[in-house]
Amino acid sequence: MYTYTLSLTQEGHTGQIPIVDGKGEPWGIIRGNLDNPNHTLYLLDTSSQEIGRLFSDGTGLIASYTLDVVNHSLVHVKKVNNHQLNLFYITRLNYWVNGSIKKGSYAFRSGVKKVAAVQTEVSDHGVVLTCQIERPEDIPFILLIAVLFTQWHVTPLELPDFLPIISQHSTGTASLFRLFSPYDHKRDRQ
């Protein structure tokens, strides 16, 4: 098992996330952010050679990201929307993600077998992601996806399916208009 730690504090590392291996040695960095659809995350080794990148592919209504890792076919991260749960699927690798991305503890699975796990911890120095990965060829994918999930803070606003009941006595559009009117209701009555 391969263990990597990503420090999201960015103290003295503006715009980049340092990656340390299980022995505490520097392994690489991730640069960039995803706050704009045109932005990209870059995974670089310690000599600043690009290992891979992650970017929004901008296709369809379902959120989808593309991973382009050196010497590998393109891989996509798909968010499958469902009313009961949010599912994430990693194409080509055929991995499903389960656990709680919101709480920062999730696993990558091939069928029922766990191939990687990510744990988010808050330390004195900030947020730290610990990634445990079974196969060495999965390392760039898991590291980039872990940062994607950390930066993926878009939560849909849940609106009610119906208007709230205002009062049993007030019905009709005039009452509804008064509810949303910017004027003081007491002044309207005088």
C-alpha atoms as a PDB file:
ATOM      1  CA  MET A   1       0.000   0.000   0.000  1.00  0.00           C
ATOM      2  CA  TYR A   2       1.226   3.482  -0.930  1.00  0.00           C
ATOM      3  CA  THR A   3       0.463   6.397   1.385  1.00  0.00           C
ATOM      4  CA  TYR A   4       0.539  10.064   0.388  1.00  0.00           C
ATOM      5  CA  THR A   5      -0.261  13.187   2.361  1.00  0.00           C
ATOM      6  CA  LEU A   6      -1.499  16.392   0.767  1.00  0.00           C
ATOM      7  CA  SER A   7      -1.355  19.588   2.838  1.00  0.00           C
ATOM      8  CA  LEU A   8      -4.041  22.071   1.869  1.00  0.00           C
ATOM      9  CA  THR A   9      -2.729  24.885   4.071  1.00  0.00           C
ATOM     10  CA  GLN A  10      -0.721  26.595   1.313  1.00  0.00           C
ATOM     11  CA  GLU A  11       1.529  28.256   3.900  1.00  0.00           C
ATOM     12  CA  GLY A  12       4.371  29.581   1.786  1.00  0.00           C
ATOM     13  CA  HIS A  13       3.159  27.479  -1.159  1.00  0.00           C
ATOM     14  CA  THR A  14       0.771  29.918  -2.824  1.00  0.00           C
ATOM     15  CA  GLY A  15      -1.267  28.191  -5.497  1.00  0.00           C
ATOM     16  CA  GLN A  16       0.158  24.732  -4.913  1.00  0.00           C
ATOM     17  CA  ILE A  17      -0.439  21.716  -2.695  1.00  0.00           C
ATOM     18  CA  PRO A  18       2.672  19.804  -1.572  1.00  0.00           C
ATOM     19  CA  ILE A  19       2.528  15.994  -1.635  1.00  0.00           C
ATOM     20  CA  VAL A  20       4.605  13.882   0.743  1.00  0.00           C
ATOM     21  CA  ASP A  21       5.034  10.101   0.514  1.00  0.00           C
ATOM     22  CA  GLY A  22       4.698   7.604   3.381  1.00  0.00           C
ATOM     23  CA  LYS A  23       8.366   8.128   4.381  1.00  0.00           C
ATOM     24  CA  GLY A  24       7.866  11.880   4.757  1.00  0.00           C
ATOM     25  CA  GLU A  25       9.807  12.665   1.576  1.00  0.00           C
ATOM     26  CA  PRO A  26       8.527  15.230  -0.952  1.00  0.00           C
ATOM     27  CA  TRP A  27       6.826  13.402  -3.840  1.00  0.00           C
ATOM     28  CA  GLY A  28       5.354  16.252  -5.921  1.00  0.00           C
ATOM     29  CA  ILE A  29       2.844  19.097  -5.977  1.00  0.00           C
ATOM     30  CA  ILE A  30      -0.580  19.924  -7.367  1.00  0.00           C
ATOM     31  CA  ARG A  31      -1.016  23.382  -8.856  1.00  0.00           C
ATOM     32  CA  GLY A  32      -4.121  25.240  -9.918  1.00  0.00           C
ATOM     33  CA  ASN A  33      -7.738  25.307  -8.814  1.00  0.00           C
ATOM     34  CA  LEU A  34     -11.182  24.598 -10.202  1.00  0.00           C
ATOM     35  CA  ASP A  35     -13.094  27.735  -9.221  1.00  0.00           C
ATOM     36  CA  ASN A  36     -13.617  28.515 -12.915  1.00  0.00           C
ATOM     37  CA  PRO A  37     -14.701  26.070 -15.652  1.00  0.00           C
ATOM     38  CA  ASN A  38     -11.563  26.914 -17.662  1.00  0.00           C
ATOM     39  CA  HIS A  39      -9.148  26.149 -14.835  1.00  0.00           C
ATOM     40  CA  THR A  40      -7.043  23.017 -14.502  1.00  0.00           C
ATOM     41  CA  LEU A  41      -5.269  21.069 -11.763  1.00  0.00           C
ATOM     42  CA  TYR A  42      -1.704  19.998 -12.639  1.00  0.00           C
ATOM     43  CA  LEU A  43       0.121  17.134 -10.903  1.00  0.00           C
ATOM     44  CA  LEU A  44       3.904  17.648 -11.050  1.00  0.00           C
ATOM     45  CA  ASP A  45       6.789  15.586  -9.715  1.00  0.00           C
ATOM     46  CA  THR A  46       9.626  17.090  -7.626  1.00  0.00           C
ATOM     47  CA  SER A  47      11.496  18.164 -10.786  1.00  0.00           C
ATOM     48  CA  SER A  48       8.378  20.048 -12.037  1.00  0.00           C
ATOM     49  CA  GLN A  49       7.655  17.488 -14.784  1.00  0.00           C
ATOM     50  CA  GLU A  50       3.929  17.085 -15.448  1.00  0.00           C
ATOM     51  CA  ILE A  51       2.507  13.699 -14.437  1.00  0.00           C
ATOM     52  CA  GLY A  52      -1.116  14.526 -15.222  1.00  0.00           C
ATOM     53  CA  ARG A  53      -3.877  17.111 -15.229  1.00  0.00           C
ATOM     54  CA  LEU A  54      -7.554  17.338 -14.358  1.00  0.00           C
ATOM     55  CA  PHE A  55     -10.022  19.718 -16.000  1.00  0.00           C
ATOM     56  CA  SER A  56     -13.746  20.180 -16.550  1.00  0.00           C
ATOM     57  CA  ASP A  57     -14.770  18.676 -19.866  1.00  0.00           C
ATOM     58  CA  GLY A  58     -17.840  20.930 -20.083  1.00  0.00           C
ATOM     59  CA  THR A  59     -20.058  18.366 -21.774  1.00  0.00           C
ATOM     60  CA  GLY A  60     -23.623  17.643 -20.795  1.00  0.00           C
ATOM     61  CA  LEU A  61     -25.675  18.643 -17.782  1.00  0.00           C
ATOM     62  CA  ILE A  62     -24.042  16.146 -15.429  1.00  0.00           C
ATOM     63  CA  ALA A  63     -20.837  17.375 -13.793  1.00  0.00           C
ATOM     64  CA  SER A  64     -17.910  15.656 -15.487  1.00  0.00           C
ATOM     65  CA  TYR A  65     -14.150  16.054 -15.273  1.00  0.00           C
ATOM     66  CA  THR A  66     -11.369  14.626 -17.422  1.00  0.00           C
ATOM     67  CA  LEU A  67      -8.049  13.264 -16.183  1.00  0.00           C
ATOM     68  CA  ASP A  68      -5.166  13.292 -18.630  1.00  0.00           C
ATOM     69  CA  VAL A  69      -2.275  11.287 -17.148  1.00  0.00           C
ATOM     70  CA  VAL A  70       0.971  10.768 -19.080  1.00  0.00           C
ATOM     71  CA  ASN A  71       1.063   7.407 -20.917  1.00  0.00           C
ATOM     72  CA  HIS A  72      -2.564   6.593 -20.123  1.00  0.00           C
ATOM     73  CA  SER A  73      -5.917   6.926 -21.889  1.00  0.00           C
ATOM     74  CA  LEU A  74      -8.221   9.758 -20.839  1.00  0.00           C
ATOM     75  CA  VAL A  75     -10.260   9.009 -17.715  1.00  0.00           C
ATOM     76  CA  HIS A  76     -13.478  10.795 -16.742  1.00  0.00           C
ATOM     77  CA  VAL A  77     -14.977  11.494 -13.320  1.00  0.00           C
ATOM     78  CA  LYS A  78     -18.752  11.436 -13.619  1.00  0.00           C
ATOM     79  CA  LYS A  79     -21.204  12.538 -10.970  1.00  0.00           C
ATOM     80  CA  VAL A  80     -24.373  10.505 -11.309  1.00  0.00           C
ATOM     81  CA  ASN A  81     -27.249  12.443  -9.775  1.00  0.00           C
ATOM     82  CA  ASN A  82     -29.801  10.413  -7.906  1.00  0.00           C
ATOM     83  CA  HIS A  83     -32.450  11.512  -5.377  1.00  0.00           C
ATOM     84  CA  GLN A  84     -31.289   8.949  -2.801  1.00  0.00           C
ATOM     85  CA  LEU A  85     -27.522   9.431  -3.068  1.00  0.00           C
ATOM     86  CA  ASN A  86     -24.718  11.009  -5.055  1.00  0.00           C
ATOM     87  CA  LEU A  87     -22.619   8.503  -6.966  1.00  0.00           C
ATOM     88  CA  PHE A  88     -19.243   9.116  -8.549  1.00  0.00           C
ATOM     89  CA  TYR A  89     -17.888   6.864 -11.261  1.00  0.00           C
ATOM     90  CA  ILE A  90     -14.339   6.837 -12.664  1.00  0.00           C
ATOM     91  CA  THR A  91     -14.409   5.655 -16.295  1.00  0.00           C
ATOM     92  CA  ARG A  92     -11.706   3.390 -17.813  1.00  0.00           C
ATOM     93  CA  LEU A  93     -10.609   2.467 -14.288  1.00  0.00           C
ATOM     94  CA  ASN A  94     -14.187   1.345 -13.540  1.00  0.00           C
ATOM     95  CA  TYR A  95     -14.052   2.629  -9.959  1.00  0.00           C
ATOM     96  CA  TRP A  96     -17.007   3.712  -7.865  1.00  0.00           C
ATOM     97  CA  VAL A  97     -16.555   6.122  -4.983  1.00  0.00           C
ATOM     98  CA  ASN A  98     -18.422   5.473  -1.747  1.00  0.00           C
ATOM     99  CA  GLY A  99     -18.340   7.010   1.696  1.00  0.00           C
ATOM    100  CA  SER A 100     -18.867  10.644   2.591  1.00  0.00           C
ATOM    101  CA  ILE A 101     -17.100  13.187   0.417  1.00  0.00           C
ATOM    102  CA  LYS A 102     -18.694  15.943   2.518  1.00  0.00           C
ATOM    103  CA  LYS A 103     -17.127  14.500   5.699  1.00  0.00           C
ATOM    104  CA  GLY A 104     -13.872  13.748   3.879  1.00  0.00           C
ATOM    105  CA  SER A 105     -13.770   9.980   4.326  1.00  0.00           C
ATOM    106  CA  TYR A 106     -14.356   7.912   1.200  1.00  0.00           C
ATOM    107  CA  ALA A 107     -13.063   4.913  -0.729  1.00  0.00           C
ATOM    108  CA  PHE A 108     -12.522   3.985  -4.358  1.00  0.00           C
ATOM    109  CA  ARG A 109     -13.826   0.516  -5.190  1.00  0.00           C
ATOM    110  CA  SER A 110     -13.536  -1.892  -8.067  1.00  0.00           C
ATOM    111  CA  GLY A 111     -16.633  -3.988  -7.462  1.00  0.00           C
ATOM    112  CA  VAL A 112     -16.458  -4.732  -3.738  1.00  0.00           C
ATOM    113  CA  LYS A 113     -12.657  -4.526  -3.495  1.00  0.00           C
ATOM    114  CA  LYS A 114     -11.269  -1.304  -2.024  1.00  0.00           C
ATOM    115  CA  VAL A 115      -8.428   0.013  -4.205  1.00  0.00           C
ATOM    116  CA  ALA A 116      -7.860   3.344  -2.424  1.00  0.00           C
ATOM    117  CA  ALA A 117      -9.077   5.355   0.564  1.00  0.00           C
ATOM    118  CA  VAL A 118      -8.951   9.058   1.385  1.00  0.00           C
ATOM    119  CA  GLN A 119      -9.205  10.489   4.887  1.00  0.00           C
ATOM    120  CA  THR A 120      -9.461  14.228   5.586  1.00  0.00           C
ATOM    121  CA  GLU A 121      -8.104  15.532   8.875  1.00  0.00           C
ATOM    122  CA  VAL A 122      -7.947  18.989  10.358  1.00  0.00           C
ATOM    123  CA  SER A 123      -4.633  19.621  12.111  1.00  0.00           C
ATOM    124  CA  ASP A 124      -3.013  22.656  13.722  1.00  0.00           C
ATOM    125  CA  HIS A 125      -1.541  23.533  10.322  1.00  0.00           C
ATOM    126  CA  GLY A 126      -4.774  23.191   8.311  1.00  0.00           C
ATOM    127  CA  VAL A 127      -6.524  20.502   6.291  1.00  0.00           C
ATOM    128  CA  VAL A 128      -4.566  17.351   5.423  1.00  0.00           C
ATOM    129  CA  LEU A 129      -5.638  14.617   2.996  1.00  0.00           C
ATOM    130  CA  THR A 130      -4.194  11.155   3.551  1.00  0.00           C
ATOM    131  CA  CYS A 131      -4.492   8.886   0.516  1.00  0.00           C
ATOM    132  CA  GLN A 132      -3.825   5.155   0.779  1.00  0.00           C
ATOM    133  CA  ILE A 133      -3.535   3.574  -2.659  1.00  0.00           C
ATOM    134  CA  GLU A 134      -3.146  -0.124  -3.498  1.00  0.00           C
ATOM    135  CA  ARG A 135      -1.754   0.037  -7.039  1.00  0.00           C
ATOM    136  CA  PRO A 136       1.083   2.367  -8.140  1.00  0.00           C
ATOM    137  CA  GLU A 137      -0.566   3.061 -11.529  1.00  0.00           C
ATOM    138  CA  ASP A 138      -3.583   4.581  -9.705  1.00  0.00           C
ATOM    139  CA  ILE A 139      -1.539   7.146  -7.747  1.00  0.00           C
ATOM    140  CA  PRO A 140      -1.895  10.163 -10.097  1.00  0.00           C
ATOM    141  CA  PHE A 141      -5.611   9.529 -10.576  1.00  0.00           C
ATOM    142  CA  ILE A 142      -6.436   9.210  -6.876  1.00  0.00           C
ATOM    143  CA  LEU A 143      -4.364  12.264  -5.903  1.00  0.00           C
ATOM    144  CA  LEU A 144      -6.013  14.511  -8.510  1.00  0.00           C
ATOM    145  CA  ILE A 145      -9.514  13.214  -7.746  1.00  0.00           C
ATOM    146  CA  ALA A 146      -8.990  13.742  -3.991  1.00  0.00           C
ATOM    147  CA  VAL A 147      -8.167  17.413  -4.645  1.00  0.00           C
ATOM    148  CA  LEU A 148     -11.144  17.656  -7.017  1.00  0.00           C
ATOM    149  CA  PHE A 149     -13.504  16.379  -4.326  1.00  0.00           C
ATOM    150  CA  THR A 150     -11.980  18.781  -1.788  1.00  0.00           C
ATOM    151  CA  GLN A 151     -12.496  21.761  -4.115  1.00  0.00           C
ATOM    152  CA  TRP A 152     -15.916  20.570  -5.285  1.00  0.00           C
ATOM    153  CA  HIS A 153     -17.920  22.674  -2.837  1.00  0.00           C
ATOM    154  CA  VAL A 154     -20.951  23.324  -5.046  1.00  0.00           C
ATOM    155  CA  THR A 155     -23.985  22.187  -3.083  1.00  0.00           C
ATOM    156  CA  PRO A 156     -27.335  22.580  -4.813  1.00  0.00           C
ATOM    157  CA  LEU A 157     -29.777  24.844  -3.020  1.00  0.00           C
ATOM    158  CA  GLU A 158     -32.766  22.765  -1.997  1.00  0.00           C
ATOM    159  CA  LEU A 159     -36.011  24.644  -2.502  1.00  0.00           C
ATOM    160  CA  PRO A 160     -39.389  23.387  -1.326  1.00  0.00           C
ATOM    161  CA  ASP A 161     -41.690  21.829  -3.924  1.00  0.00           C
ATOM    162  CA  PHE A 162     -44.566  24.012  -2.713  1.00  0.00           C
ATOM    163  CA  LEU A 163     -45.114  27.482  -1.289  1.00  0.00           C
ATOM    164  CA  PRO A 164     -45.309  27.577   2.495  1.00  0.00           C
ATOM    165  CA  ILE A 165     -48.766  28.044   3.985  1.00  0.00           C
ATOM    166  CA  ILE A 166     -48.906  31.682   5.047  1.00  0.00           C
ATOM    167  CA  SER A 167     -52.167  31.744   6.909  1.00  0.00           C
ATOM    168  CA  GLN A 168     -55.405  29.860   6.766  1.00  0.00           C
ATOM    169  CA  HIS A 169     -57.274  33.157   6.231  1.00  0.00           C
ATOM    170  CA  SER A 170     -55.124  34.614   3.475  1.00  0.00           C
ATOM    171  CA  THR A 171     -55.612  33.068   0.074  1.00  0.00           C
ATOM    172  CA  GLY A 172     -55.313  34.373  -3.451  1.00  0.00           C
ATOM    173  CA  THR A 173     -52.666  36.295  -5.334  1.00  0.00           C
ATOM    174  CA  ALA A 174     -53.138  39.552  -3.381  1.00  0.00           C
ATOM    175  CA  SER A 175     -51.977  37.843  -0.167  1.00  0.00           C
ATOM    176  CA  LEU A 176     -49.068  36.230  -2.001  1.00  0.00           C
ATOM    177  CA  PHE A 177     -48.082  39.622  -3.432  1.00  0.00           C
ATOM    178  CA  ARG A 178     -48.068  41.166   0.066  1.00  0.00           C
ATOM    179  CA  LEU A 179     -45.787  38.369   1.266  1.00  0.00           C
ATOM    180  CA  PHE A 180     -43.097  39.340  -1.257  1.00  0.00           C
ATOM    181  CA  SER A 181     -43.770  43.103  -1.291  1.00  0.00           C
ATOM    182  CA  PRO A 182     -40.842  45.267  -0.121  1.00  0.00           C
ATOM    183  CA  TYR A 183     -43.184  47.668   1.698  1.00  0.00           C
ATOM    184  CA  ASP A 184     -44.103  47.428   5.330  1.00  0.00           C
ATOM    185  CA  HIS A 185     -47.336  45.439   5.720  1.00  0.00           C
ATOM    186  CA  LYS A 186     -48.598  47.645   8.582  1.00  0.00           C
ATOM    187  CA  ARG A 187     -48.303  50.772   6.451  1.00  0.00           C
ATOM    188  CA  ASP A 188     -50.359  49.112   3.700  1.00  0.00           C
ATOM    189  CA  ARG A 189     -53.257  48.572   6.134  1.00  0.00           C
ATOM    190  CA  GLN A 190     -53.459  52.199   7.348  1.00  0.00           C
END
